[in-house]
PDB file of N, CA and C in Angstrom:
ATOM      1  N   UNK A   1     130.907 -67.163  77.466  1.00  0.00           N
ATOM      2  CA  UNK A   1     130.560 -68.405  76.799  1.00  0.00           C
ATOM      3  C   UNK A   1     131.360 -69.577  77.364  1.00  0.00           C
ATOM      4  N   UNK A   2     132.703 -69.380  77.520  1.00  0.00           N
ATOM      5  CA  UNK A   2     133.529 -70.486  78.030  1.00  0.00           C
ATOM      6  C   UNK A   2     133.109 -70.882  79.426  1.00  0.00           C
ATOM      7  N   UNK A   3     132.723 -69.882  80.253  1.00  0.00           N
ATOM      8  CA  UNK A   3     132.340 -70.177  81.624  1.00  0.00           C
ATOM      9  C   UNK A   3     131.066 -71.002  81.673  1.00  0.00           C
ATOM     10  N   UNK A   4     130.122 -70.669  80.797  1.00  0.00           N
ATOM     11  CA  UNK A   4     128.880 -71.435  80.737  1.00  0.00           C
ATOM     12  C   UNK A   4     129.165 -72.883  80.356  1.00  0.00           C
ATOM     13  N   UNK A   5     129.998 -73.092  79.331  1.00  0.00           N
ATOM     14  CA  UNK A   5     130.295 -74.469  78.936  1.00  0.00           C
ATOM     15  C   UNK A   5     131.072 -75.199  80.020  1.00  0.00           C
ATOM     16  N   UNK A   6     131.952 -74.494  80.730  1.00  0.00           N
ATOM     17  CA  UNK A   6     132.708 -75.119  81.812  1.00  0.00           C
ATOM     18  C   UNK A   6     131.769 -75.595  82.917  1.00  0.00           C
ATOM     19  N   UNK A   7     130.866 -74.717  83.336  1.00  0.00           N
ATOM     20  CA  UNK A   7     129.967 -75.089  84.416  1.00  0.00           C
ATOM     21  C   UNK A   7     128.905 -76.078  83.970  1.00  0.00           C
ATOM     22  N   UNK A   8     128.665 -76.182  82.679  1.00  0.00           N
ATOM     23  CA  UNK A   8     127.771 -77.214  82.159  1.00  0.00           C
ATOM     24  C   UNK A   8     128.496 -78.554  82.145  1.00  0.00           C
ATOM     25  N   UNK A   9     129.761 -78.544  81.726  1.00  0.00           N
ATOM     26  CA  UNK A   9     130.528 -79.782  81.615  1.00  0.00           C
ATOM     27  C   UNK A   9     130.984 -80.349  82.952  1.00  0.00           C
ATOM     28  N   UNK A  10     131.426 -79.500  83.850  1.00  0.00           N
ATOM     29  CA  UNK A  10     132.049 -79.979  85.081  1.00  0.00           C
ATOM     30  C   UNK A  10     131.153 -80.919  85.892  1.00  0.00           C
ATOM     31  N   UNK A  11     129.900 -80.557  86.195  1.00  0.00           N
ATOM     32  CA  UNK A  11     129.071 -81.500  86.960  1.00  0.00           C
ATOM     33  C   UNK A  11     128.824 -82.799  86.203  1.00  0.00           C
ATOM     34  N   UNK A  12     128.677 -82.697  84.888  1.00  0.00           N
ATOM     35  CA  UNK A  12     128.472 -83.906  84.099  1.00  0.00           C
ATOM     36  C   UNK A  12     129.695 -84.809  84.155  1.00  0.00           C
ATOM     37  N   UNK A  13     130.873 -84.192  84.032  1.00  0.00           N
ATOM     38  CA  UNK A  13     132.107 -84.980  84.053  1.00  0.00           C
ATOM     39  C   UNK A  13     132.347 -85.610  85.409  1.00  0.00           C
ATOM     40  N   UNK A  14     132.192 -84.825  86.439  1.00  0.00           N
ATOM     41  CA  UNK A  14     132.421 -85.363  87.776  1.00  0.00           C
ATOM     42  C   UNK A  14     131.378 -86.416  88.117  1.00  0.00           C
ATOM     43  N   UNK A  15     130.165 -86.199  87.686  1.00  0.00           N
ATOM     44  CA  UNK A  15     129.106 -87.178  87.929  1.00  0.00           C
ATOM     45  C   UNK A  15     129.347 -88.469  87.186  1.00  0.00           C
ATOM     46  N   UNK A  16     129.775 -88.348  85.924  1.00  0.00           N
ATOM     47  CA  UNK A  16     130.044 -89.549  85.129  1.00  0.00           C
ATOM     48  C   UNK A  16     131.193 -90.335  85.724  1.00  0.00           C
ATOM     49  N   UNK A  17     132.238 -89.630  86.131  1.00  0.00           N
ATOM     50  CA  UNK A  17     133.383 -90.314  86.728  1.00  0.00           C
ATOM     51  C   UNK A  17     133.019 -90.970  88.034  1.00  0.00           C
ATOM     52  N   UNK A  18     132.224 -90.289  88.845  1.00  0.00           N
ATOM     53  CA  UNK A  18     131.836 -90.829  90.142  1.00  0.00           C
ATOM     54  C   UNK A  18     131.007 -92.089  89.986  1.00  0.00           C
ATOM     55  N   UNK A  19     130.021 -92.070  89.084  1.00  0.00           N
ATOM     56  CA  UNK A  19     129.176 -93.252  88.936  1.00  0.00           C
ATOM     57  C   UNK A  19     129.970 -94.420  88.368  1.00  0.00           C
ATOM     58  N   UNK A  20     130.897 -94.137  87.479  1.00  0.00           N
ATOM     59  CA  UNK A  20     131.704 -95.213  86.913  1.00  0.00           C
ATOM     60  C   UNK A  20     132.589 -95.831  87.979  1.00  0.00           C
ATOM     61  N   UNK A  21     133.166 -95.008  88.856  1.00  0.00           N
ATOM     62  CA  UNK A  21     134.014 -95.529  89.918  1.00  0.00           C
ATOM     63  C   UNK A  21     133.185 -96.271  90.953  1.00  0.00           C
ATOM     64  N   UNK A  22     131.998 -95.803  91.211  1.00  0.00           N
ATOM     65  CA  UNK A  22     131.159 -96.424  92.234  1.00  0.00           C
ATOM     66  C   UNK A  22     130.739 -97.827  91.812  1.00  0.00           C
ATOM     67  N   UNK A  23     130.637 -98.083  90.514  1.00  0.00           N
ATOM     68  CA  UNK A  23     130.177 -99.375  90.029  1.00  0.00           C
ATOM     69  C   UNK A  23     131.296-100.405  89.947  1.00  0.00           C
ATOM     70  N   UNK A  24     132.523 -99.952  89.922  1.00  0.00           N
ATOM     71  CA  UNK A  24     133.642-100.869  89.743  1.00  0.00           C
ATOM     72  C   UNK A  24     134.026-101.535  91.058  1.00  0.00           C
ATOM     73  N   UNK A  25     134.333-102.830  91.020  1.00  0.00           N
ATOM     74  CA  UNK A  25     134.825-103.470  92.235  1.00  0.00           C
ATOM     75  C   UNK A  25     136.184-102.891  92.625  1.00  0.00           C
ATOM     76  N   UNK A  26     136.450-102.789  93.908  1.00  0.00           N
ATOM     77  CA  UNK A  26     137.674-102.146  94.389  1.00  0.00           C
ATOM     78  C   UNK A  26     138.828-103.127  94.539  1.00  0.00           C
ATOM     79  N   UNK A  27     138.742-104.315  93.951  1.00  0.00           N
ATOM     80  CA  UNK A  27     139.776-105.324  94.146  1.00  0.00           C
ATOM     81  C   UNK A  27     141.095-104.966  93.468  1.00  0.00           C
ATOM     82  N   UNK A  28     141.060-104.277  92.355  1.00  0.00           N
ATOM     83  CA  UNK A  28     142.278-103.937  91.632  1.00  0.00           C
ATOM     84  C   UNK A  28     142.102-102.560  90.996  1.00  0.00           C
ATOM     85  N   UNK A  29     143.136-101.699  91.070  1.00  0.00           N
ATOM     86  CA  UNK A  29     143.008-100.347  90.512  1.00  0.00           C
ATOM     87  C   UNK A  29     142.617-100.325  89.034  1.00  0.00           C
ATOM     88  N   UNK A  30     143.043-101.313  88.278  1.00  0.00           N
ATOM     89  CA  UNK A  30     142.722-101.336  86.850  1.00  0.00           C
ATOM     90  C   UNK A  30     141.222-101.436  86.606  1.00  0.00           C
ATOM     91  N   UNK A  31     140.492-101.956  87.574  1.00  0.00           N
ATOM     92  CA  UNK A  31     139.036-102.070  87.401  1.00  0.00           C
ATOM     93  C   UNK A  31     138.360-100.704  87.475  1.00  0.00           C
ATOM     94  N   UNK A  32     139.089 -99.678  87.929  1.00  0.00           N
ATOM     95  CA  UNK A  32     138.517 -98.335  88.014  1.00  0.00           C
ATOM     96  C   UNK A  32     138.604 -97.587  86.687  1.00  0.00           C
ATOM     97  N   UNK A  33     139.271 -98.160  85.710  1.00  0.00           N
ATOM     98  CA  UNK A  33     139.468 -97.492  84.439  1.00  0.00           C
ATOM     99  C   UNK A  33     138.500 -98.065  83.416  1.00  0.00           C
ATOM    100  N   UNK A  34     137.825 -97.178  82.726  1.00  0.00           N
ATOM    101  CA  UNK A  34     136.958 -97.596  81.636  1.00  0.00           C
ATOM    102  C   UNK A  34     137.087 -96.597  80.507  1.00  0.00           C
ATOM    103  N   UNK A  35     136.667 -96.999  79.333  1.00  0.00           N
ATOM    104  CA  UNK A  35     136.705 -96.093  78.184  1.00  0.00           C
ATOM    105  C   UNK A  35     135.904 -94.830  78.470  1.00  0.00           C
ATOM    106  N   UNK A  36     134.783 -94.992  79.134  1.00  0.00           N
ATOM    107  CA  UNK A  36     133.905 -93.855  79.413  1.00  0.00           C
ATOM    108  C   UNK A  36     134.572 -92.861  80.360  1.00  0.00           C
ATOM    109  N   UNK A  37     135.244 -93.351  81.394  1.00  0.00           N
ATOM    110  CA  UNK A  37     135.910 -92.469  82.355  1.00  0.00           C
ATOM    111  C   UNK A  37     137.054 -91.721  81.678  1.00  0.00           C
ATOM    112  N   UNK A  38     137.873 -92.430  80.919  1.00  0.00           N
ATOM    113  CA  UNK A  38     138.984 -91.789  80.216  1.00  0.00           C
ATOM    114  C   UNK A  38     138.456 -90.754  79.229  1.00  0.00           C
ATOM    115  N   UNK A  39     137.432 -91.119  78.481  1.00  0.00           N
ATOM    116  CA  UNK A  39     136.835 -90.204  77.511  1.00  0.00           C
ATOM    117  C   UNK A  39     136.312 -88.944  78.190  1.00  0.00           C
ATOM    118  N   UNK A  40     135.694 -89.103  79.341  1.00  0.00           N
ATOM    119  CA  UNK A  40     135.167 -87.969  80.098  1.00  0.00           C
ATOM    120  C   UNK A  40     136.283 -87.018  80.508  1.00  0.00           C
ATOM    121  N   UNK A  41     137.360 -87.556  81.031  1.00  0.00           N
ATOM    122  CA  UNK A  41     138.470 -86.718  81.483  1.00  0.00           C
ATOM    123  C   UNK A  41     139.141 -85.988  80.325  1.00  0.00           C
ATOM    124  N   UNK A  42     139.449 -86.693  79.252  1.00  0.00           N
ATOM    125  CA  UNK A  42     140.162 -86.011  78.173  1.00  0.00           C
ATOM    126  C   UNK A  42     139.278 -84.992  77.481  1.00  0.00           C
ATOM    127  N   UNK A  43     137.978 -85.248  77.391  1.00  0.00           N
ATOM    128  CA  UNK A  43     137.084 -84.267  76.775  1.00  0.00           C
ATOM    129  C   UNK A  43     137.067 -82.973  77.593  1.00  0.00           C
ATOM    130  N   UNK A  44     137.038 -83.091  78.911  1.00  0.00           N
ATOM    131  CA  UNK A  44     137.067 -81.884  79.732  1.00  0.00           C
ATOM    132  C   UNK A  44     138.389 -81.149  79.570  1.00  0.00           C
ATOM    133  N   UNK A  45     139.491 -81.876  79.705  1.00  0.00           N
ATOM    134  CA  UNK A  45     140.811 -81.244  79.659  1.00  0.00           C
ATOM    135  C   UNK A  45     141.141 -80.680  78.277  1.00  0.00           C
ATOM    136  N   UNK A  46     140.524 -81.199  77.223  1.00  0.00           N
ATOM    137  CA  UNK A  46     140.772 -80.698  75.869  1.00  0.00           C
ATOM    138  C   UNK A  46     139.752 -79.653  75.439  1.00  0.00           C
ATOM    139  N   UNK A  47     138.775 -79.367  76.275  1.00  0.00           N
ATOM    140  CA  UNK A  47     137.709 -78.441  75.909  1.00  0.00           C
ATOM    141  C   UNK A  47     138.241 -77.030  75.676  1.00  0.00           C
ATOM    142  N   UNK A  48     137.633 -76.324  74.757  1.00  0.00           N
ATOM    143  CA  UNK A  48     138.021 -74.945  74.458  1.00  0.00           C
ATOM    144  C   UNK A  48     137.869 -74.028  75.669  1.00  0.00           C
ATOM    145  N   UNK A  49     137.044 -74.407  76.623  1.00  0.00           N
ATOM    146  CA  UNK A  49     136.854 -73.592  77.832  1.00  0.00           C
ATOM    147  C   UNK A  49     138.159 -73.442  78.611  1.00  0.00           C
ATOM    148  N   UNK A  50     139.082 -74.375  78.438  1.00  0.00           N
ATOM    149  CA  UNK A  50     140.362 -74.295  79.145  1.00  0.00           C
ATOM    150  C   UNK A  50     141.401 -73.499  78.362  1.00  0.00           C
ATOM    151  N   UNK A  51     141.005 -72.947  77.244  1.00  0.00           N
ATOM    152  CA  UNK A  51     141.818 -71.984  76.498  1.00  0.00           C
ATOM    153  C   UNK A  51     143.236 -72.462  76.215  1.00  0.00           C
ATOM    154  N   UNK A  52     143.433 -73.739  76.007  1.00  0.00           N
ATOM    155  CA  UNK A  52     144.752 -74.263  75.658  1.00  0.00           C
ATOM    156  C   UNK A  52     145.638 -74.656  76.829  1.00  0.00           C
ATOM    157  N   UNK A  53     145.264 -74.285  78.040  1.00  0.00           N
ATOM    158  CA  UNK A  53     145.995 -74.660  79.253  1.00  0.00           C
ATOM    159  C   UNK A  53     147.433 -74.150  79.273  1.00  0.00           C
ATOM    160  N   UNK A  54     147.710 -73.048  78.607  1.00  0.00           N
ATOM    161  CA  UNK A  54     149.073 -72.504  78.605  1.00  0.00           C
ATOM    162  C   UNK A  54     149.471 -72.072  80.016  1.00  0.00           C
ATOM    163  N   UNK A  55     150.758 -72.177  80.311  1.00  0.00           N
ATOM    164  CA  UNK A  55     151.277 -71.837  81.642  1.00  0.00           C
ATOM    165  C   UNK A  55     150.902 -70.410  82.033  1.00  0.00           C
ATOM    166  N   UNK A  56     150.405 -70.275  83.252  1.00  0.00           N
ATOM    167  CA  UNK A  56     150.069 -68.968  83.786  1.00  0.00           C
ATOM    168  C   UNK A  56     148.713 -68.434  83.363  1.00  0.00           C
ATOM    169  N   UNK A  57     147.902 -69.231  82.694  1.00  0.00           N
ATOM    170  CA  UNK A  57     146.597 -68.769  82.227  1.00  0.00           C
ATOM    171  C   UNK A  57     145.472 -69.322  83.093  1.00  0.00           C
ATOM    172  N   UNK A  58     144.301 -68.756  82.924  1.00  0.00           N
ATOM    173  CA  UNK A  58     143.112 -69.241  83.628  1.00  0.00           C
ATOM    174  C   UNK A  58     142.831 -70.701  83.252  1.00  0.00           C
ATOM    175  N   UNK A  59     143.041 -71.053  81.979  1.00  0.00           N
ATOM    176  CA  UNK A  59     142.820 -72.426  81.530  1.00  0.00           C
ATOM    177  C   UNK A  59     143.723 -73.419  82.243  1.00  0.00           C
ATOM    178  N   UNK A  60     144.973 -73.032  82.461  1.00  0.00           N
ATOM    179  CA  UNK A  60     145.891 -73.905  83.199  1.00  0.00           C
ATOM    180  C   UNK A  60     145.417 -74.076  84.640  1.00  0.00           C
ATOM    181  N   UNK A  61     144.971 -72.978  85.252  1.00  0.00           N
ATOM    182  CA  UNK A  61     144.482 -73.032  86.630  1.00  0.00           C
ATOM    183  C   UNK A  61     143.269 -73.948  86.733  1.00  0.00           C
ATOM    184  N   UNK A  62     142.329 -73.836  85.785  1.00  0.00           N
ATOM    185  CA  UNK A  62     141.141 -74.693  85.799  1.00  0.00           C
ATOM    186  C   UNK A  62     141.511 -76.162  85.622  1.00  0.00           C
ATOM    187  N   UNK A  63     142.454 -76.443  84.725  1.00  0.00           N
ATOM    188  CA  UNK A  63     142.893 -77.823  84.515  1.00  0.00           C
ATOM    189  C   UNK A  63     143.542 -78.377  85.778  1.00  0.00           C
ATOM    190  N   UNK A  64     144.373 -77.570  86.434  1.00  0.00           N
ATOM    191  CA  UNK A  64     145.027 -78.012  87.675  1.00  0.00           C
ATOM    192  C   UNK A  64     144.000 -78.273  88.766  1.00  0.00           C
ATOM    193  N   UNK A  65     142.995 -77.420  88.868  1.00  0.00           N
ATOM    194  CA  UNK A  65     141.934 -77.613  89.857  1.00  0.00           C
ATOM    195  C   UNK A  65     141.183 -78.922  89.586  1.00  0.00           C
ATOM    196  N   UNK A  66     140.917 -79.197  88.327  1.00  0.00           N
ATOM    197  CA  UNK A  66     140.209 -80.413  87.941  1.00  0.00           C
ATOM    198  C   UNK A  66     141.018 -81.662  88.315  1.00  0.00           C
ATOM    199  N   UNK A  67     142.294 -81.648  87.958  1.00  0.00           N
ATOM    200  CA  UNK A  67     143.154 -82.801  88.258  1.00  0.00           C
ATOM    201  C   UNK A  67     143.267 -82.996  89.772  1.00  0.00           C
ATOM    202  N   UNK A  68     143.445 -81.909  90.521  1.00  0.00           N
ATOM    203  CA  UNK A  68     143.529 -82.007  91.983  1.00  0.00           C
ATOM    204  C   UNK A  68     142.232 -82.568  92.557  1.00  0.00           C
ATOM    205  N   UNK A  69     141.103 -82.149  92.019  1.00  0.00           N
ATOM    206  CA  UNK A  69     139.810 -82.662  92.495  1.00  0.00           C
ATOM    207  C   UNK A  69     139.701 -84.163  92.240  1.00  0.00           C
ATOM    208  N   UNK A  70     140.210 -84.620  91.098  1.00  0.00           N
ATOM    209  CA  UNK A  70     140.182 -86.050  90.799  1.00  0.00           C
ATOM    210  C   UNK A  70     141.083 -86.821  91.757  1.00  0.00           C
ATOM    211  N   UNK A  71     142.262 -86.278  92.040  1.00  0.00           N
ATOM    212  CA  UNK A  71     143.177 -86.919  92.988  1.00  0.00           C
ATOM    213  C   UNK A  71     142.527 -87.016  94.368  1.00  0.00           C
ATOM    214  N   UNK A  72     141.901 -85.923  94.791  1.00  0.00           N
ATOM    215  CA  UNK A  72     141.229 -85.893  96.093  1.00  0.00           C
ATOM    216  C   UNK A  72     140.113 -86.931  96.146  1.00  0.00           C
ATOM    217  N   UNK A  73     139.319 -86.986  95.082  1.00  0.00           N
ATOM    218  CA  UNK A  73     138.194 -87.924  95.011  1.00  0.00           C
ATOM    219  C   UNK A  73     138.672 -89.373  95.082  1.00  0.00           C
ATOM    220  N   UNK A  74     139.828 -89.631  94.512  1.00  0.00           N
ATOM    221  CA  UNK A  74     140.381 -90.984  94.537  1.00  0.00           C
ATOM    222  C   UNK A  74     141.063 -91.320  95.860  1.00  0.00           C
ATOM    223  N   UNK A  75     141.199 -90.300  96.711  1.00  0.00           N
ATOM    224  CA  UNK A  75     141.822 -90.528  98.012  1.00  0.00           C
ATOM    225  C   UNK A  75     143.333 -90.547  97.974  1.00  0.00           C
ATOM    226  N   UNK A  76     143.931 -89.990  96.919  1.00  0.00           N
ATOM    227  CA  UNK A  76     145.390 -89.945  96.829  1.00  0.00           C
ATOM    228  C   UNK A  76     145.943 -88.932  97.825  1.00  0.00           C
ATOM    229  N   UNK A  77     147.028 -89.280  98.449  1.00  0.00           N
ATOM    230  CA  UNK A  77     147.663 -88.386  99.415  1.00  0.00           C
ATOM    231  C   UNK A  77     148.370 -87.252  98.681  1.00  0.00           C
ATOM    232  N   UNK A  78     148.158 -86.015  99.092  1.00  0.00           N
ATOM    233  CA  UNK A  78     148.882 -84.900  98.463  1.00  0.00           C
ATOM    234  C   UNK A  78     150.382 -85.025  98.719  1.00  0.00           C
ATOM    235  N   UNK A  79     151.182 -84.788  97.692  1.00  0.00           N
ATOM    236  CA  UNK A  79     152.634 -84.881  97.831  1.00  0.00           C
ATOM    237  C   UNK A  79     153.325 -83.639  97.282  1.00  0.00           C
ATOM    238  N   UNK A  80     152.562 -82.576  97.090  1.00  0.00           N
ATOM    239  CA  UNK A  80     153.126 -81.349  96.541  1.00  0.00           C
ATOM    240  C   UNK A  80     153.556 -80.390  97.631  1.00  0.00           C
ATOM    241  N   UNK A  81     153.758 -79.152  97.239  1.00  0.00           N
ATOM    242  CA  UNK A  81     154.165 -78.100  98.169  1.00  0.00           C
ATOM    243  C   UNK A  81     153.125 -77.921  99.271  1.00  0.00           C
ATOM    244  N   UNK A  82     153.601 -77.758 100.498  1.00  0.00           N
ATOM    245  CA  UNK A  82     152.731 -77.518 101.666  1.00  0.00           C
ATOM    246  C   UNK A  82     151.619 -78.557 101.775  1.00  0.00           C
ATOM    247  N   UNK A  83     151.951 -79.811 101.517  1.00  0.00           N
ATOM    248  CA  UNK A  83     151.000 -80.924 101.601  1.00  0.00           C
ATOM    249  C   UNK A  83     149.775 -80.701 100.724  1.00  0.00           C
ATOM    250  N   UNK A  84     150.015 -80.195  99.512  1.00  0.00           N
ATOM    251  CA  UNK A  84     148.934 -79.966  98.558  1.00  0.00           C
ATOM    252  C   UNK A  84     149.148 -80.853  97.337  1.00  0.00           C
ATOM    253  N   UNK A  85     148.263 -80.706  96.359  1.00  0.00           N
ATOM    254  CA  UNK A  85     148.416 -81.425  95.096  1.00  0.00           C
ATOM    255  C   UNK A  85     149.182 -80.591  94.067  1.00  0.00           C
ATOM    256  N   UNK A  86     149.716 -79.463  94.484  1.00  0.00           N
ATOM    257  CA  UNK A  86     150.386 -78.537  93.570  1.00  0.00           C
ATOM    258  C   UNK A  86     151.868 -78.427  93.905  1.00  0.00           C
ATOM    259  N   UNK A  87     152.668 -78.177  92.880  1.00  0.00           N
ATOM    260  CA  UNK A  87     154.105 -78.012  93.073  1.00  0.00           C
ATOM    261  C   UNK A  87     154.585 -76.844  92.221  1.00  0.00           C
ATOM    262  N   UNK A  88     155.237 -75.896  92.854  1.00  0.00           N
ATOM    263  CA  UNK A  88     155.793 -74.752  92.121  1.00  0.00           C
ATOM    264  C   UNK A  88     157.111 -75.165  91.474  1.00  0.00           C
ATOM    265  N   UNK A  89     157.355 -74.620  90.305  1.00  0.00           N
ATOM    266  CA  UNK A  89     158.611 -74.866  89.614  1.00  0.00           C
ATOM    267  C   UNK A  89     158.861 -73.720  88.650  1.00  0.00           C
ATOM    268  N   UNK A  90     160.097 -73.581  88.256  1.00  0.00           N
ATOM    269  CA  UNK A  90     160.471 -72.542  87.306  1.00  0.00           C
ATOM    270  C   UNK A  90     160.276 -73.079  85.903  1.00  0.00           C
ATOM    271  N   UNK A  91     159.570 -72.331  85.104  1.00  0.00           N
ATOM    272  CA  UNK A  91     159.322 -72.725  83.723  1.00  0.00           C
ATOM    273  C   UNK A  91     160.116 -71.798  82.810  1.00  0.00           C
ATOM    274  N   UNK A  92     161.000 -72.400  82.048  1.00  0.00           N
ATOM    275  CA  UNK A  92     161.804 -71.618  81.104  1.00  0.00           C
ATOM    276  C   UNK A  92     161.111 -71.599  79.756  1.00  0.00           C
ATOM    277  N   UNK A  93     161.110 -70.446  79.137  1.00  0.00           N
ATOM    278  CA  UNK A  93     160.522 -70.328  77.816  1.00  0.00           C
ATOM    279  C   UNK A  93     161.532 -69.767  76.834  1.00  0.00           C
ATOM    280  N   UNK A  94     161.487 -70.263  75.636  1.00  0.00           N
ATOM    281  CA  UNK A  94     162.389 -69.793  74.596  1.00  0.00           C
ATOM    282  C   UNK A  94     161.578 -69.355  73.398  1.00  0.00           C
ATOM    283  N   UNK A  95     162.022 -68.277  72.775  1.00  0.00           N
ATOM    284  CA  UNK A  95     161.380 -67.791  71.561  1.00  0.00           C
ATOM    285  C   UNK A  95     162.432 -67.715  70.469  1.00  0.00           C
ATOM    286  N   UNK A  96     162.061 -68.094  69.249  1.00  0.00           N
ATOM    287  CA  UNK A  96     163.033 -68.007  68.160  1.00  0.00           C
ATOM    288  C   UNK A  96     163.432 -66.551  67.899  1.00  0.00           C
ATOM    289  N   UNK A  97     164.675 -66.348  67.577  1.00  0.00           N
ATOM    290  CA  UNK A  97     165.166 -65.000  67.265  1.00  0.00           C
ATOM    291  C   UNK A  97     164.755 -64.614  65.851  1.00  0.00           C
ATOM    292  N   UNK A  98     164.408 -63.345  65.704  1.00  0.00           N
ATOM    293  CA  UNK A  98     164.150 -62.676  64.445  1.00  0.00           C
ATOM    294  C   UNK A  98     163.377 -63.372  63.440  1.00  0.00           C
TER     295      UNK A  98
END
């Protein structure tokens, strides 16, 4: 079920973002932002298909892929590990005792 909703949403989201960016004049970066574009991005990233985006999960991987795709589409230079949009780091977790 989550996969179906993901593949239904993704083309719609990317299409909506692309058309919104294509219509905006390129004179200033702020002109690339609209309520519709922001709404599209947060709806995808908050969707149940991403299963909460917890570290090390499929949902986190999908969210990272989405963000990297947006960076690529905007023409941002990768600045992560091995000239990518990703950066490895150690994540510490704590659990309450007893």
